[in-house]
Amino acid sequence: MPPRLNITPVCRTLAFRAKPLNQLPQISIAARAQARCFSDQTDGTVPQQPAGQLNPLSLPALGETKPDNTVNQQVEPEVPENHQDSNAAALHYLQLVAYGVDPRDPAVEGHKFGLPELPLPSEKHVKHRYDPIIDQMTRLLMKDGKLGKAQRDMAMILNYLRTQPPPRLNPARPLVPGHPAPSHFPLNPVQYLTIAVESIAPLAGLYRFAGLAGGGKAMEVPVPLHARKRRRIAFNWVLDTVKNKPSKGSGRAMFAHRVAEEIVAVVEGRSSVWDKRQQAHKAATASRANLNDARVKAFGLV
């Protein structure tokens, strides 16, 4: 049997040479990573060096000569300085259009939402943004200075009036002239409350002159009432009627619901507030003869 052929000693005598590779720039990985870490660019690209400084990453490889491209290099046109300003102005116009403002309106030049029209209407004032009657009735509902609670009660009253069916009017207790149809009352609860208060507001009140009737007795003279005082008297009558009625339960919303129910009763002519208004008018009519007194005329009430 012939011996096995062993080629290991033969391979040791041969010299293997690897294929020469292209020589890369003599720049370490640490230098490249450091150049990226100290740059402001976040996309991983190597930053450009300022003029006058040598960038090691742009050096040619060993044994190579960097071609001179200055002859064939094309000069890029310079971007005008007002190019960015034009873009900013265009974006500003688009933003105004998105807000629903005409950018070509001279009134909005330099303003985001334009200038207000002067004089300002009363509802634009922060202290007069509510309806005058709603604001006055809310103040009358307030106790111990708790305006927030009074506003919540007024909101409950208006919500109750909005969700109720149309009232049934009583011809014997007519409302103020010019009121809309009863079917429209729930559609506007503010108008609902306004009509109820104005309908029961007294037209005249009694002014007492001390000592003019003789024997230290006061003389009662009827005088017309202005709108704010008439509403205050009418709503106080409603509150007194509500307080005198037995309570139906406890809770934050019970008082507001009782006031709203009384407002509905006033519009339908079922409330006792109408009797108080009639008594006030009778008293004013009975004392109208005192207007002829010379001492009363001296005060300038007639």
Protein backbone atom coordinates (compact mmCIF):
# COMPACT_ATOMS: atom_id res chain seq x y z
CA MET A 1 0.00 0.00 0.00
CA PRO A 2 1.59 3.31 -1.06
CA PRO A 3 2.11 5.95 1.66
CA ARG A 4 -0.29 8.91 1.96
CA LEU A 5 0.73 12.16 0.30
CA ASN A 6 1.27 15.01 2.80
CA ILE A 7 1.33 18.49 1.19
CA THR A 8 1.77 20.47 4.41
CA PRO A 9 5.58 20.80 4.08
CA VAL A 10 5.16 21.98 0.51
CA CYS A 11 2.72 24.74 1.46
CA ARG A 12 5.09 26.06 4.09
CA THR A 13 7.70 26.82 1.46
CA LEU A 14 5.30 28.86 -0.71
CA ALA A 15 4.92 32.62 -0.20
CA PHE A 16 1.33 33.98 -0.44
CA ARG A 17 0.85 37.68 -1.17
CA ALA A 18 -2.55 39.38 -0.83
CA LYS A 19 -3.91 41.53 -3.63
CA PRO A 20 -2.95 45.15 -3.07
CA LEU A 21 -5.94 47.32 -2.09
CA ASN A 22 -6.51 50.97 -2.76
CA GLN A 23 -4.93 53.02 -0.08
CA LEU A 24 -7.54 54.84 2.01
CA PRO A 25 -7.01 58.26 3.62
CA GLN A 26 -4.97 57.99 6.74
CA ILE A 27 -7.83 59.10 9.04
CA SER A 28 -8.75 57.12 12.07
CA ILE A 29 -12.27 56.18 13.07
CA ALA A 30 -11.91 58.18 16.28
CA ALA A 31 -11.12 61.34 14.32
CA ARG A 32 -14.17 60.85 12.11
CA ALA A 33 -16.44 60.22 15.11
CA GLN A 34 -15.04 63.26 16.90
CA ALA A 35 -15.74 65.42 13.85
CA ARG A 36 -19.36 64.29 13.87
CA CYS A 37 -19.84 64.71 17.63
CA PHE A 38 -18.65 68.31 17.69
CA SER A 39 -20.78 69.40 14.75
CA ASP A 40 -24.26 70.93 14.82
CA GLN A 41 -25.56 68.56 12.13
CA THR A 42 -27.67 65.63 13.27
CA ASP A 43 -27.83 63.67 10.01
CA GLY A 44 -24.42 62.05 10.50
CA THR A 45 -22.66 63.95 7.71
CA VAL A 46 -19.24 65.48 8.16
CA PRO A 47 -19.50 69.21 8.78
CA GLN A 48 -17.85 71.70 6.49
CA GLN A 49 -14.81 73.43 7.88
CA PRO A 50 -14.70 77.20 7.91
CA ALA A 51 -12.53 79.02 5.45
CA GLY A 52 -8.87 79.07 6.37
CA GLN A 53 -8.93 75.78 8.32
CA LEU A 54 -7.71 72.40 7.12
CA ASN A 55 -10.20 69.56 7.11
CA PRO A 56 -8.37 66.23 7.62
CA LEU A 57 -11.21 64.33 6.00
CA SER A 58 -10.73 66.17 2.73
CA LEU A 59 -7.04 65.27 2.43
CA PRO A 60 -6.09 63.02 -0.52
CA ALA A 61 -4.81 59.53 0.04
CA LEU A 62 -1.11 58.89 0.31
CA GLY A 63 0.51 58.83 -3.06
CA GLU A 64 -2.37 60.59 -4.80
CA THR A 65 -2.51 64.09 -6.15
CA LYS A 66 -5.70 66.02 -5.73
CA PRO A 67 -6.95 67.23 -9.09
CA ASP A 68 -7.29 70.93 -9.55
CA ASN A 69 -10.98 71.67 -10.15
CA THR A 70 -10.74 75.39 -9.81
CA VAL A 71 -10.73 75.82 -13.57
CA ASN A 72 -13.91 73.85 -14.23
CA GLN A 73 -15.60 74.89 -10.99
CA GLN A 74 -18.88 76.74 -11.57
CA VAL A 75 -19.73 79.69 -9.41
CA GLU A 76 -23.15 79.23 -7.81
CA PRO A 77 -25.41 82.27 -7.83
CA GLU A 78 -25.79 84.03 -4.52
CA VAL A 79 -29.18 83.88 -2.81
CA PRO A 80 -30.58 87.38 -2.25
CA GLU A 81 -30.89 88.49 1.34
CA ASN A 82 -34.58 89.32 1.05
CA HIS A 83 -35.43 85.76 -0.07
CA GLN A 84 -36.09 84.58 3.48
CA ASP A 85 -38.08 87.73 4.26
CA SER A 86 -40.34 87.06 1.28
CA ASN A 87 -40.99 83.51 2.48
CA ALA A 88 -41.81 84.74 5.97
CA ALA A 89 -44.27 87.31 4.57
CA ALA A 90 -45.95 84.65 2.43
CA LEU A 91 -46.33 82.32 5.43
CA HIS A 92 -47.77 85.21 7.45
CA TYR A 93 -50.40 85.88 4.74
CA LEU A 94 -51.33 82.19 4.68
CA GLN A 95 -51.73 82.24 8.45
CA LEU A 96 -54.04 85.26 8.25
CA VAL A 97 -56.14 83.51 5.60
CA ALA A 98 -56.38 80.46 7.85
CA TYR A 99 -57.73 82.69 10.63
CA GLY A 100 -60.34 84.13 8.26
CA VAL A 101 -58.70 87.57 8.00
CA ASP A 102 -58.15 89.35 4.72
CA PRO A 103 -54.38 90.06 4.54
CA ARG A 104 -54.95 92.84 2.03
CA ASP A 105 -57.09 94.80 4.47
CA PRO A 106 -55.12 97.86 5.60
CA ALA A 107 -56.73 97.65 9.05
CA VAL A 108 -54.88 94.40 9.84
CA GLU A 109 -51.44 95.63 8.87
CA GLY A 110 -49.17 94.83 11.78
CA HIS A 111 -51.95 93.16 13.79
CA LYS A 112 -52.86 89.50 14.00
CA PHE A 113 -56.63 89.96 14.32
CA GLY A 114 -57.06 93.57 13.24
CA LEU A 115 -58.09 96.64 15.20
CA PRO A 116 -61.47 96.85 16.97
CA GLU A 117 -64.08 99.31 15.86
CA LEU A 118 -64.43 102.32 18.11
CA PRO A 119 -66.41 103.12 20.14
CA LEU A 120 -66.65 99.64 21.63
CA PRO A 121 -70.20 98.28 22.11
CA SER A 122 -71.35 97.62 25.64
CA GLU A 123 -71.36 93.84 25.25
CA LYS A 124 -67.62 93.89 24.48
CA HIS A 125 -66.81 95.15 27.98
CA VAL A 126 -65.86 92.39 30.40
CA LYS A 127 -68.13 93.78 33.13
CA HIS A 128 -71.12 94.28 30.83
CA ARG A 129 -70.97 91.12 28.72
CA TYR A 130 -74.28 89.77 30.07
CA ASP A 131 -77.80 90.99 29.43
CA PRO A 132 -78.65 93.88 31.81
CA ILE A 133 -81.74 92.12 33.19
CA ILE A 134 -79.86 88.82 33.68
CA ASP A 135 -77.04 90.63 35.44
CA GLN A 136 -79.45 92.46 37.76
CA MET A 137 -81.46 89.35 38.57
CA THR A 138 -78.26 87.44 39.31
CA ARG A 139 -77.20 90.10 41.80
CA LEU A 140 -80.57 89.82 43.51
CA LEU A 141 -80.12 86.05 43.80
CA MET A 142 -76.71 86.47 45.41
CA LYS A 143 -76.31 85.82 49.15
CA ASP A 144 -73.28 86.54 51.31
CA GLY A 145 -71.35 87.81 48.31
CA LYS A 146 -71.29 84.38 46.58
CA LEU A 147 -71.64 85.54 43.00
CA GLY A 148 -70.52 82.20 41.55
CA LYS A 149 -73.37 80.35 43.24
CA ALA A 150 -75.85 82.98 42.07
CA GLN A 151 -74.61 82.58 38.50
CA ARG A 152 -75.06 78.81 38.70
CA ASP A 153 -78.60 79.30 40.00
CA MET A 154 -79.37 81.69 37.16
CA ALA A 155 -78.01 79.17 34.65
CA MET A 156 -80.29 76.49 36.14
CA ILE A 157 -83.27 78.85 35.93
CA LEU A 158 -82.64 79.61 32.26
CA ASN A 159 -82.12 75.92 31.50
CA TYR A 160 -85.42 75.07 33.22
CA LEU A 161 -87.26 77.71 31.17
CA ARG A 162 -85.66 76.40 27.98
CA THR A 163 -86.75 72.80 28.57
CA GLN A 164 -90.35 73.55 29.60
CA PRO A 165 -93.30 73.32 27.17
CA PRO A 166 -94.88 76.55 25.90
CA PRO A 167 -96.92 78.30 28.60
CA ARG A 168 -100.68 78.73 28.49
CA LEU A 169 -101.46 82.42 28.75
CA ASN A 170 -104.30 83.79 30.84
CA PRO A 171 -106.28 86.56 29.10
CA ALA A 172 -107.18 88.03 32.51
CA ARG A 173 -103.46 88.58 33.27
CA PRO A 174 -102.07 90.08 30.05
CA LEU A 175 -98.32 90.27 29.51
CA VAL A 176 -96.38 93.27 28.20
CA PRO A 177 -97.46 94.40 24.74
CA GLY A 178 -95.45 93.14 21.80
CA HIS A 179 -94.44 89.80 23.29
CA PRO A 180 -93.92 86.90 20.84
CA ALA A 181 -96.10 83.84 20.57
CA PRO A 182 -96.06 81.48 23.57
CA SER A 183 -94.49 78.76 21.43
CA HIS A 184 -91.38 80.95 21.05
CA PHE A 185 -90.82 81.48 24.77
CA PRO A 186 -88.72 78.33 25.42
CA LEU A 187 -86.55 79.13 22.40
CA ASN A 188 -85.17 82.23 24.14
CA PRO A 189 -85.06 81.79 27.95
CA VAL A 190 -83.56 85.25 28.46
CA GLN A 191 -86.55 86.81 26.72
CA TYR A 192 -88.81 84.45 28.68
CA LEU A 193 -87.49 85.81 31.98
CA THR A 194 -87.54 89.40 30.73
CA ILE A 195 -91.21 89.22 29.73
CA ALA A 196 -92.16 87.69 33.08
CA VAL A 197 -90.38 90.39 35.11
CA GLU A 198 -91.57 93.29 32.96
CA SER A 199 -95.18 92.07 33.08
CA ILE A 200 -95.41 92.14 36.90
CA ALA A 201 -93.25 95.23 37.44
CA PRO A 202 -95.22 98.11 39.04
CA LEU A 203 -95.49 101.30 37.07
CA ALA A 204 -95.68 103.64 40.09
CA GLY A 205 -94.61 103.67 43.70
CA LEU A 206 -95.34 105.69 46.82
CA TYR A 207 -93.00 108.38 48.10
CA ARG A 208 -93.60 109.37 51.74
CA PHE A 209 -93.13 112.97 52.88
CA ALA A 210 -92.63 112.94 56.62
CA GLY A 211 -94.89 115.30 58.59
CA LEU A 212 -96.83 116.73 55.65
CA ALA A 213 -100.08 114.92 56.47
CA GLY A 214 -100.32 116.64 59.90
CA GLY A 215 -99.64 115.31 63.37
CA GLY A 216 -96.30 113.87 62.30
CA LYS A 217 -97.94 111.58 59.81
CA ALA A 218 -96.28 111.02 56.45
CA MET A 219 -98.00 111.97 53.21
CA GLU A 220 -97.86 109.34 50.48
CA VAL A 221 -97.40 110.65 46.95
CA PRO A 222 -97.35 108.42 43.83
CA VAL A 223 -94.22 108.74 41.73
CA PRO A 224 -93.22 106.89 38.54
CA LEU A 225 -90.46 104.30 38.85
CA HIS A 226 -87.54 103.91 36.50
CA ALA A 227 -86.94 100.59 34.76
CA ARG A 228 -84.21 99.25 37.03
CA LYS A 229 -86.19 99.85 40.22
CA ARG A 230 -89.35 98.38 38.70
CA ARG A 231 -87.50 95.15 37.84
CA ARG A 232 -85.93 94.97 41.28
CA ILE A 233 -89.30 95.25 43.03
CA ALA A 234 -90.88 92.66 40.70
CA PHE A 235 -88.13 90.08 41.15
CA ASN A 236 -88.07 90.59 44.93
CA TRP A 237 -91.79 89.80 44.94
CA VAL A 238 -91.00 86.55 43.11
CA LEU A 239 -88.28 85.65 45.61
CA ASP A 240 -90.54 86.41 48.59
CA THR A 241 -93.24 84.19 47.13
CA VAL A 242 -90.77 81.35 46.62
CA LYS A 243 -89.45 81.63 50.18
CA ASN A 244 -92.94 81.55 51.66
CA LYS A 245 -93.87 78.35 49.83
CA PRO A 246 -93.09 75.00 51.46
CA SER A 247 -89.88 73.36 50.31
CA LYS A 248 -90.08 70.25 48.14
CA GLY A 249 -86.68 68.94 49.18
CA SER A 250 -83.07 69.89 49.62
CA GLY A 251 -80.24 70.18 47.16
CA ARG A 252 -78.23 72.69 45.20
CA ALA A 253 -80.76 72.92 42.39
CA MET A 254 -84.01 73.02 44.41
CA PHE A 255 -84.05 76.79 45.00
CA ALA A 256 -83.32 77.54 41.33
CA HIS A 257 -86.07 75.15 40.21
CA ARG A 258 -88.57 76.75 42.58
CA VAL A 259 -87.75 80.21 41.22
CA ALA A 260 -88.10 78.94 37.65
CA GLU A 261 -91.46 77.34 38.46
CA GLU A 262 -92.65 80.66 39.88
CA ILE A 263 -91.54 82.44 36.69
CA VAL A 264 -93.64 80.01 34.64
CA ALA A 265 -96.59 80.60 37.01
CA VAL A 266 -96.22 84.36 36.51
CA VAL A 267 -96.39 84.02 32.72
CA GLU A 268 -99.40 81.72 32.96
CA GLY A 269 -101.16 84.09 35.42
CA ARG A 270 -101.23 81.62 38.35
CA SER A 271 -98.83 83.44 40.66
CA SER A 272 -99.87 85.62 43.62
CA VAL A 273 -97.37 88.26 42.47
CA TRP A 274 -100.07 89.66 40.20
CA ASP A 275 -102.12 90.55 43.31
CA LYS A 276 -99.20 92.48 44.78
CA ARG A 277 -98.86 94.47 41.57
CA GLN A 278 -102.57 95.26 41.59
CA GLN A 279 -102.44 96.41 45.23
CA ALA A 280 -99.49 98.70 44.50
CA HIS A 281 -101.35 100.32 41.63
CA LYS A 282 -104.48 100.78 43.76
CA ALA A 283 -102.48 102.49 46.50
CA ALA A 284 -100.84 104.81 43.98
CA THR A 285 -104.20 105.66 42.44
CA ALA A 286 -105.79 106.35 45.83
CA SER A 287 -103.08 108.83 46.85
CA ARG A 288 -102.88 110.74 43.58
CA ALA A 289 -104.93 113.59 45.12
CA ASN A 290 -101.90 114.48 47.24
CA LEU A 291 -100.08 115.64 44.12
CA ASN A 292 -102.06 118.93 44.28
CA ASP A 293 -100.54 119.88 47.63
CA ALA A 294 -98.43 123.03 47.37
CA ARG A 295 -95.74 121.64 49.68
CA VAL A 296 -95.42 118.57 47.42
CA LYS A 297 -95.12 120.76 44.34
CA ALA A 298 -92.31 122.64 46.04
CA PHE A 299 -90.17 119.51 45.89
CA GLY A 300 -90.51 119.40 42.10
CA LEU A 301 -91.99 115.92 41.89
CA VAL A 302 -94.92 117.10 39.79
